Amino acid sequence: SGIVYDKDGHIITNYHVISMLIYYPDRYRAELVDHDGERMEITLLGIDVLNDLAVVYADTEPAAFFRLAPVDIKQGVRLYSLGYPLDIGISIVEGTYNGFMEKSFYRKIHFTGSLNPGMSGGPAIDRSGRVVGVNVATAGNQVSFLVPVRAVIELVDETPGAGEGPRGNFLESISTQLLSHQKEYFHEDVFRLDDHVELGDYVLPGSPASFVDCWGNGSQSDDQPYEILNHNCSGNDPVFISSDERALSVSFQHSVITSRGLNRFRFYDLFSSMFGSGYSGYYGNEDEVTGFDCTTRFVKSNDITFKTVFCLRKHRKLEGLYDAIFKAAALGSMETGLETTLTMNGVGYDTAVGLAQRYLGEISWKE
């Protein structure tokens, strides 16, 4: 779906709607289909990958269009989302404006309404027809999300209109936007690692930011000769860059295992198998990312000796972006062990290395 916002045929939609046109221009084409069923080619003019927005153009003269302007409304106001769910025709979904999401680094509107596939890029309007946001995603059960209209206006203002200048390299633009944004996202005043959690004999990074969800669990039983305590944290709004890639996504997991009768050899085998796992679950295909290249080292930090593994793989189409895995295991005990894993998607090399160093530096013995 899309929003025509002027008489010249300029349209706002989601970046994820047209992302494959950028990644595989030799495989895909994009068309506008109007209310009469007429088809016409569209041209991509500008993108905002962080807010999942794109500006496109079609050579048409719309009979009507939406006007974009800042809107301030109160929580509880009724909104009406428009779009083409499942390609079955234009639909209007009534819902409620619930303000901005609290646990998100990016400004997203929580919309209590049933968005469905195909409605992405359509408008959510108030009863006066003012555009409040752009449909972007749903979590089901009438929990949906909108990009606020202010982000739309900013992209429109900085995007040249059709025929006003060269469109540039959009893959390069994606890389530039993500790399420049990392300084803000991973700044120590935003993404903190000095909020700690205690597991067993260790003090570890706890909850790093308001937009990262954390939880814990344990595994133990009378017939199990060991117990495991886990602490997990994961960012809840990674940036979509393609159907197989995400960026600015961070998660980590700590596991402390304690023997309850295992001999040293069985404990070592169990601990080693834990350290060797956790390399799956990544987005990406061989057209878009390389394989992982790993380096193993023994490092001493805060009087703890660690075996560490640092793995990187490169995004083939996005210059300067990598996925990274950092794993560390505390050595020296045959009765208890710490294994911790930090994963990062779509980050710069210096960011990956720096965050791994900060992460390891926050691990210490409990006093």
Protein backbone atom coordinates (compact mmCIF):
# COMPACT_ATOMS: atom_id res chain seq x y z
CA SER A 1 0.00 0.00 0.00
CA GLY A 2 1.06 3.63 -0.33
CA ILE A 3 0.05 7.21 0.36
CA VAL A 4 -0.14 9.74 -2.48
CA TYR A 5 0.82 13.05 -0.90
CA ASP A 6 0.83 15.58 -3.75
CA LYS A 7 -0.72 16.26 -7.15
CA ASP A 8 2.42 15.16 -9.00
CA GLY A 9 2.23 11.46 -8.09
CA HIS A 10 4.75 11.22 -5.25
CA ILE A 11 3.97 8.39 -2.86
CA ILE A 12 5.09 7.30 0.61
CA THR A 13 5.33 3.61 1.46
CA ASN A 14 7.44 1.38 3.69
CA TYR A 15 11.06 0.66 2.85
CA HIS A 16 10.43 -3.05 3.42
CA VAL A 17 7.77 -2.99 0.69
CA ILE A 18 10.33 -2.08 -1.99
CA SER A 19 13.55 -3.40 -0.41
CA MET A 20 14.01 -6.24 -2.90
CA LEU A 21 13.89 -3.68 -5.72
CA ILE A 22 17.08 -2.20 -4.23
CA TYR A 23 18.80 -5.51 -3.50
CA TYR A 24 17.92 -7.33 -6.72
CA PRO A 25 16.99 -4.78 -9.41
CA ASP A 26 17.61 -7.40 -12.13
CA ARG A 27 15.01 -9.74 -10.59
CA TYR A 28 12.26 -7.38 -9.48
CA ARG A 29 10.18 -4.52 -10.80
CA ALA A 30 7.57 -2.39 -9.06
CA GLU A 31 4.28 -1.07 -10.37
CA LEU A 32 1.53 1.20 -9.16
CA VAL A 33 -1.98 -0.25 -9.56
CA ASP A 34 -4.61 2.47 -9.18
CA HIS A 35 -8.28 2.12 -8.20
CA ASP A 36 -9.24 1.54 -11.87
CA GLY A 37 -6.73 -1.30 -12.21
CA GLU A 38 -4.38 0.71 -14.43
CA ARG A 39 -0.72 -0.25 -14.02
CA MET A 40 2.23 2.07 -14.31
CA GLU A 41 5.92 1.89 -13.46
CA ILE A 42 7.18 3.53 -10.28
CA THR A 43 10.56 5.10 -9.60
CA LEU A 44 12.28 4.99 -6.23
CA LEU A 45 13.40 8.45 -5.08
CA GLY A 46 14.46 8.23 -1.43
CA ILE A 47 14.64 5.96 1.62
CA ASP A 48 14.82 6.15 5.40
CA VAL A 49 15.85 2.64 6.43
CA LEU A 50 15.80 3.45 10.16
CA ASN A 51 12.13 4.42 10.09
CA ASP A 52 11.22 1.91 7.35
CA LEU A 53 10.07 4.55 4.85
CA ALA A 54 10.48 5.12 1.12
CA VAL A 55 9.41 7.78 -1.41
CA VAL A 56 8.40 6.58 -4.87
CA TYR A 57 7.00 8.32 -7.94
CA ALA A 58 4.46 7.36 -10.59
CA ASP A 59 3.65 9.40 -13.66
CA THR A 60 0.02 9.97 -12.76
CA GLU A 61 -2.32 12.83 -11.87
CA PRO A 62 -4.25 11.71 -8.79
CA ALA A 63 -7.79 12.94 -8.37
CA ALA A 64 -7.10 13.45 -4.68
CA PHE A 65 -4.20 13.12 -2.27
CA PHE A 66 -3.35 13.33 1.43
CA ARG A 67 -1.63 16.40 2.81
CA LEU A 68 1.21 15.79 5.26
CA ALA A 69 1.42 18.00 8.34
CA PRO A 70 2.42 17.54 12.01
CA VAL A 71 -0.43 16.14 14.12
CA ASP A 72 -0.75 16.12 17.90
CA ILE A 73 -3.46 13.88 19.33
CA LYS A 74 -4.23 12.32 22.69
CA GLN A 75 -4.13 8.68 23.73
CA GLY A 76 -7.46 6.97 23.13
CA VAL A 77 -8.37 8.86 19.94
CA ARG A 78 -9.90 6.65 17.26
CA LEU A 79 -7.84 6.11 14.11
CA TYR A 80 -8.66 4.50 10.78
CA SER A 81 -6.02 2.50 8.97
CA LEU A 82 -6.31 2.05 5.20
CA GLY A 83 -4.65 -0.55 3.02
CA TYR A 84 -4.95 -3.66 0.89
CA PRO A 85 -4.77 -6.68 3.24
CA LEU A 86 -3.88 -9.94 1.48
CA ASP A 87 -4.61 -8.23 -1.86
CA ILE A 88 -8.37 -8.61 -1.40
CA GLY A 89 -9.20 -4.94 -1.93
CA ILE A 90 -9.17 -1.68 -0.03
CA SER A 91 -10.01 -2.07 3.66
CA ILE A 92 -10.49 0.31 6.56
CA VAL A 93 -9.52 -0.86 10.04
CA GLU A 94 -10.70 1.09 13.09
CA GLY A 95 -8.38 1.22 16.08
CA THR A 96 -7.01 3.35 18.91
CA TYR A 97 -4.03 5.66 19.19
CA ASN A 98 -2.00 4.57 22.22
CA GLY A 99 0.94 6.93 22.02
CA PHE A 100 4.56 6.04 21.37
CA MET A 101 6.08 2.71 22.32
CA GLU A 102 8.03 2.94 25.54
CA LYS A 103 10.47 0.10 24.83
CA SER A 104 11.75 1.21 21.45
CA PHE A 105 14.78 3.20 20.40
CA TYR A 106 12.86 4.47 17.37
CA ARG A 107 9.66 6.48 17.64
CA LYS A 108 6.81 4.12 16.78
CA ILE A 109 3.13 4.57 17.48
CA HIS A 110 1.29 1.77 19.28
CA PHE A 111 -1.93 1.30 17.31
CA THR A 112 -4.62 -0.98 18.76
CA GLY A 113 -6.01 -2.32 15.52
CA SER A 114 -5.67 -5.33 13.24
CA LEU A 115 -3.11 -4.56 10.56
CA ASN A 116 -2.57 -7.42 8.12
CA PRO A 117 -0.02 -8.28 5.41
CA GLY A 118 -0.53 -5.98 2.44
CA MET A 119 -1.47 -2.94 4.53
CA SER A 120 2.18 -1.89 5.03
CA GLY A 121 2.71 1.63 3.73
CA GLY A 122 -0.91 2.69 3.97
CA PRO A 123 -2.08 5.66 6.06
CA ALA A 124 -3.61 5.72 9.52
CA ILE A 125 -5.83 8.81 9.72
CA ASP A 126 -8.00 10.53 12.30
CA ARG A 127 -11.68 11.36 11.74
CA SER A 128 -10.70 14.60 9.99
CA GLY A 129 -8.59 12.74 7.43
CA ARG A 130 -5.26 13.90 8.82
CA VAL A 131 -2.43 11.39 8.41
CA VAL A 132 -1.20 10.39 11.88
CA GLY A 133 1.16 7.62 10.81
CA VAL A 134 2.08 4.98 8.27
CA ASN A 135 1.20 1.30 8.77
CA VAL A 136 4.43 -0.63 9.35
CA ALA A 137 4.01 -3.84 11.39
CA THR A 138 1.82 -5.95 13.62
CA ALA A 139 2.39 -8.33 16.51
CA GLY A 140 -1.09 -9.83 16.19
CA ASN A 141 -4.01 -9.67 18.63
CA GLN A 142 -4.71 -6.04 17.65
CA VAL A 143 -1.19 -4.91 18.60
CA SER A 144 0.11 -2.94 15.62
CA PHE A 145 2.61 -0.19 14.91
CA LEU A 146 2.78 3.01 12.87
CA VAL A 147 5.61 5.27 11.78
CA PRO A 148 4.72 8.80 12.99
CA VAL A 149 3.94 11.38 10.33
CA ARG A 150 6.78 13.64 11.48
CA ALA A 151 9.31 11.06 10.25
CA VAL A 152 7.45 10.98 6.93
CA ILE A 153 7.63 14.76 6.58
CA GLU A 154 11.37 14.75 7.27
CA LEU A 155 12.01 12.20 4.53
CA VAL A 156 9.77 14.01 2.04
CA ASP A 157 11.50 17.33 2.75
CA GLU A 158 14.98 15.90 2.08
CA THR A 159 14.06 13.80 -0.99
CA PRO A 160 14.36 15.43 -4.44
CA GLY A 161 11.23 15.18 -6.51
CA ALA A 162 11.03 13.31 -9.80
CA GLY A 163 13.35 14.93 -12.33
CA GLU A 164 15.05 17.17 -9.74
CA GLY A 165 18.37 15.34 -9.61
CA PRO A 166 20.19 12.01 -9.60
CA ARG A 167 18.80 9.34 -7.30
CA GLY A 168 22.16 7.95 -6.18
CA ASN A 169 23.12 4.51 -4.93
CA PHE A 170 20.51 3.28 -2.45
CA LEU A 171 22.66 0.42 -1.15
CA GLU A 172 25.31 2.98 -0.30
CA SER A 173 22.63 5.13 1.33
CA ILE A 174 21.54 2.20 3.54
CA SER A 175 25.12 1.66 4.71
CA THR A 176 25.64 5.36 5.38
CA GLN A 177 22.42 5.70 7.38
CA LEU A 178 23.16 2.65 9.54
CA LEU A 179 26.82 3.44 10.18
CA SER A 180 26.16 7.07 11.07
CA HIS A 181 23.31 6.07 13.39
CA GLN A 182 25.44 3.63 15.41
CA LYS A 183 27.23 6.40 17.29
CA GLU A 184 23.91 7.36 18.85
CA TYR A 185 22.56 3.84 19.34
CA PHE A 186 25.65 2.42 21.04
CA HIS A 187 26.68 5.53 22.94
CA GLU A 188 27.55 4.67 26.54
CA ASP A 189 24.86 7.04 27.80
CA VAL A 190 22.25 5.05 25.81
CA PHE A 191 23.48 1.45 25.60
CA ARG A 192 24.94 0.90 29.05
CA LEU A 193 26.65 -2.27 30.24
CA ASP A 194 27.29 -1.25 33.85
CA ASP A 195 23.81 -2.25 35.04
CA HIS A 196 24.76 -5.63 36.45
CA VAL A 197 23.18 -8.96 37.35
CA GLU A 198 24.69 -11.58 39.67
CA LEU A 199 24.76 -15.25 38.61
CA GLY A 200 26.61 -17.71 40.81
CA ASP A 201 30.04 -16.27 41.60
CA TYR A 202 29.94 -13.72 38.76
CA VAL A 203 28.83 -10.13 38.19
CA LEU A 204 27.67 -9.67 34.58
CA PRO A 205 26.09 -7.09 32.25
CA GLY A 206 22.39 -6.93 33.08
CA SER A 207 19.82 -4.74 31.36
CA PRO A 208 21.67 -2.38 28.99
CA ALA A 209 18.85 -0.09 27.78
CA SER A 210 15.12 0.55 28.00
CA PHE A 211 14.65 -0.83 24.48
CA VAL A 212 16.25 -4.19 25.39
CA ASP A 213 14.14 -6.87 27.09
CA CYS A 214 15.81 -9.17 29.65
CA TRP A 215 14.67 -12.33 31.40
CA GLY A 216 16.15 -15.19 33.39
CA ASN A 217 15.56 -18.89 33.91
CA GLY A 218 17.19 -21.94 35.46
CA SER A 219 17.46 -25.67 34.92
CA GLN A 220 17.79 -28.08 37.80
CA SER A 221 16.28 -31.33 39.08
CA ASP A 222 17.09 -33.97 41.68
CA ASP A 223 18.23 -36.48 39.06
CA GLN A 224 20.36 -33.97 37.10
CA PRO A 225 24.03 -33.82 38.22
CA TYR A 226 24.35 -30.13 37.41
CA GLU A 227 22.31 -26.93 37.41
CA ILE A 228 22.29 -24.01 34.97
CA LEU A 229 21.31 -20.38 35.56
CA ASN A 230 20.60 -18.23 32.49
CA HIS A 231 20.21 -14.51 31.89
CA ASN A 232 19.10 -13.35 28.41
CA CYS A 233 18.71 -9.91 26.85
CA SER A 234 17.50 -9.02 23.36
CA GLY A 235 16.70 -5.79 21.54
CA ASN A 236 13.07 -5.70 20.45
CA ASP A 237 13.23 -3.54 17.31
CA PRO A 238 16.01 -4.52 14.88
CA VAL A 239 16.19 -2.51 11.65
CA PHE A 240 14.83 -4.33 8.61
CA ILE A 241 17.24 -4.15 5.66
CA SER A 242 16.11 -7.15 3.59
CA SER A 243 14.02 -10.28 3.98
CA ASP A 244 17.25 -12.08 4.98
CA GLU A 245 19.11 -9.34 6.86
CA ARG A 246 18.64 -7.19 9.95
CA ALA A 247 20.79 -4.41 11.40
CA LEU A 248 21.37 -2.74 14.77
CA SER A 249 20.20 -5.90 16.49
CA VAL A 250 21.96 -6.89 19.73
CA SER A 251 21.40 -9.76 22.13
CA PHE A 252 23.40 -11.57 24.79
CA GLN A 253 23.11 -14.58 27.05
CA HIS A 254 24.94 -15.64 30.20
CA SER A 255 24.91 -19.23 31.43
CA VAL A 256 26.46 -20.34 34.72
CA ILE A 257 26.74 -24.09 35.16
CA THR A 258 27.46 -25.69 38.53
CA SER A 259 28.36 -29.34 39.07
CA ARG A 260 26.34 -31.45 41.50
CA GLY A 261 28.45 -34.59 41.49
CA LEU A 262 30.00 -34.70 38.01
CA ASN A 263 33.65 -35.73 37.89
CA ARG A 264 36.06 -33.25 36.32
CA PHE A 265 36.09 -35.00 32.93
CA ARG A 266 32.31 -35.12 32.51
CA PHE A 267 32.02 -31.53 33.71
CA TYR A 268 34.65 -30.43 31.18
CA ASP A 269 32.80 -32.23 28.34
CA LEU A 270 29.51 -30.58 29.33
CA PHE A 271 31.05 -27.12 29.64
CA SER A 272 32.88 -27.50 26.30
CA SER A 273 29.68 -28.50 24.50
CA MET A 274 27.93 -25.40 25.86
CA PHE A 275 30.73 -23.17 24.61
CA GLY A 276 30.66 -24.75 21.16
CA SER A 277 26.95 -24.04 20.61
CA GLY A 278 25.08 -20.84 19.79
CA TYR A 279 26.28 -20.05 16.26
CA SER A 280 22.94 -20.53 14.50
CA GLY A 281 19.79 -18.47 14.16
CA TYR A 282 21.22 -15.71 11.98
CA TYR A 283 19.44 -14.08 9.10
CA GLY A 284 21.18 -14.05 5.75
CA ASN A 285 21.86 -16.01 2.59
CA GLU A 286 25.05 -16.47 0.59
CA ASP A 287 24.06 -13.73 -1.87
CA GLU A 288 23.96 -11.18 0.93
CA VAL A 289 26.50 -12.29 3.57
CA THR A 290 29.81 -14.16 3.68
CA GLY A 291 30.57 -17.06 6.01
CA PHE A 292 31.82 -16.39 9.53
CA ASP A 293 35.57 -15.98 10.08
CA CYS A 294 36.54 -16.67 13.70
CA THR A 295 39.54 -15.94 15.92
CA THR A 296 40.18 -17.70 19.25
CA ARG A 297 42.24 -16.15 22.05
CA PHE A 298 42.91 -16.52 25.77
CA VAL A 299 42.34 -13.23 27.58
CA LYS A 300 42.64 -12.16 31.21
CA SER A 301 40.23 -9.51 32.46
CA ASN A 302 39.35 -8.53 36.04
CA ASP A 303 41.45 -11.46 37.38
CA ILE A 304 39.46 -13.98 35.31
CA THR A 305 41.05 -15.99 32.51
CA PHE A 306 38.74 -16.43 29.51
CA LYS A 307 38.79 -18.46 26.35
CA THR A 308 37.24 -16.13 23.76
CA VAL A 309 36.00 -16.53 20.21
CA PHE A 310 35.27 -13.52 18.00
CA CYS A 311 33.51 -14.20 14.68
CA LEU A 312 32.69 -11.80 11.86
CA ARG A 313 30.87 -12.08 8.58
CA LYS A 314 30.52 -9.31 6.02
CA HIS A 315 27.38 -7.99 4.36
CA ARG A 316 28.25 -8.33 0.68
CA LYS A 317 26.01 -5.53 -0.61
CA LEU A 318 26.39 -3.07 2.28
CA GLU A 319 29.91 -1.72 2.56
CA GLY A 320 31.25 -1.55 6.11
CA LEU A 321 28.53 -3.64 7.80
CA TYR A 322 29.12 -6.93 9.63
CA ASP A 323 27.41 -9.51 11.80
CA ALA A 324 29.46 -10.48 14.86
CA ILE A 325 29.49 -13.16 17.55
CA PHE A 326 31.60 -12.83 20.69
CA LYS A 327 31.79 -15.79 23.06
CA ALA A 328 33.75 -16.08 26.30
CA ALA A 329 34.16 -18.91 28.80
CA ALA A 330 35.69 -18.41 32.24
CA LEU A 331 38.41 -21.01 32.91
CA GLY A 332 40.03 -22.46 36.03
CA SER A 333 37.30 -24.36 37.86
CA MET A 334 36.12 -27.97 37.57
CA GLU A 335 32.92 -27.34 39.53
CA THR A 336 31.46 -24.16 38.07
CA GLY A 337 31.72 -22.35 34.76
CA LEU A 338 30.52 -19.22 33.00
CA GLU A 339 29.71 -19.11 29.30
CA THR A 340 28.52 -15.85 27.74
CA THR A 341 27.59 -14.90 24.18
CA LEU A 342 27.12 -11.47 22.61
CA THR A 343 25.62 -11.27 19.10
CA MET A 344 25.40 -8.20 16.87
CA ASN A 345 23.74 -7.80 13.46
CA GLY A 346 24.49 -5.10 10.92
CA VAL A 347 27.15 -3.12 12.77
CA GLY A 348 30.46 -1.53 11.82
CA TYR A 349 33.76 -3.25 12.54
CA ASP A 350 34.88 -0.73 15.15
CA THR A 351 31.47 -0.92 16.83
CA ALA A 352 31.62 -4.72 17.01
CA VAL A 353 35.14 -4.78 18.46
CA GLY A 354 34.49 -1.91 20.88
CA LEU A 355 31.24 -3.38 22.19
CA ALA A 356 32.85 -6.80 22.71
CA GLN A 357 35.68 -5.17 24.70
CA ARG A 358 33.23 -3.18 26.83
CA TYR A 359 31.16 -6.31 27.39
CA LEU A 360 34.08 -8.43 28.60
CA GLY A 361 35.34 -5.60 30.80
CA GLU A 362 32.06 -5.59 32.77
CA ILE A 363 32.41 -9.24 33.84
CA SER A 364 33.98 -9.78 37.26
CA TRP A 365 33.96 -11.95 40.37
CA LYS A 366 31.24 -11.30 42.93
CA GLU A 367 32.76 -9.78 46.07
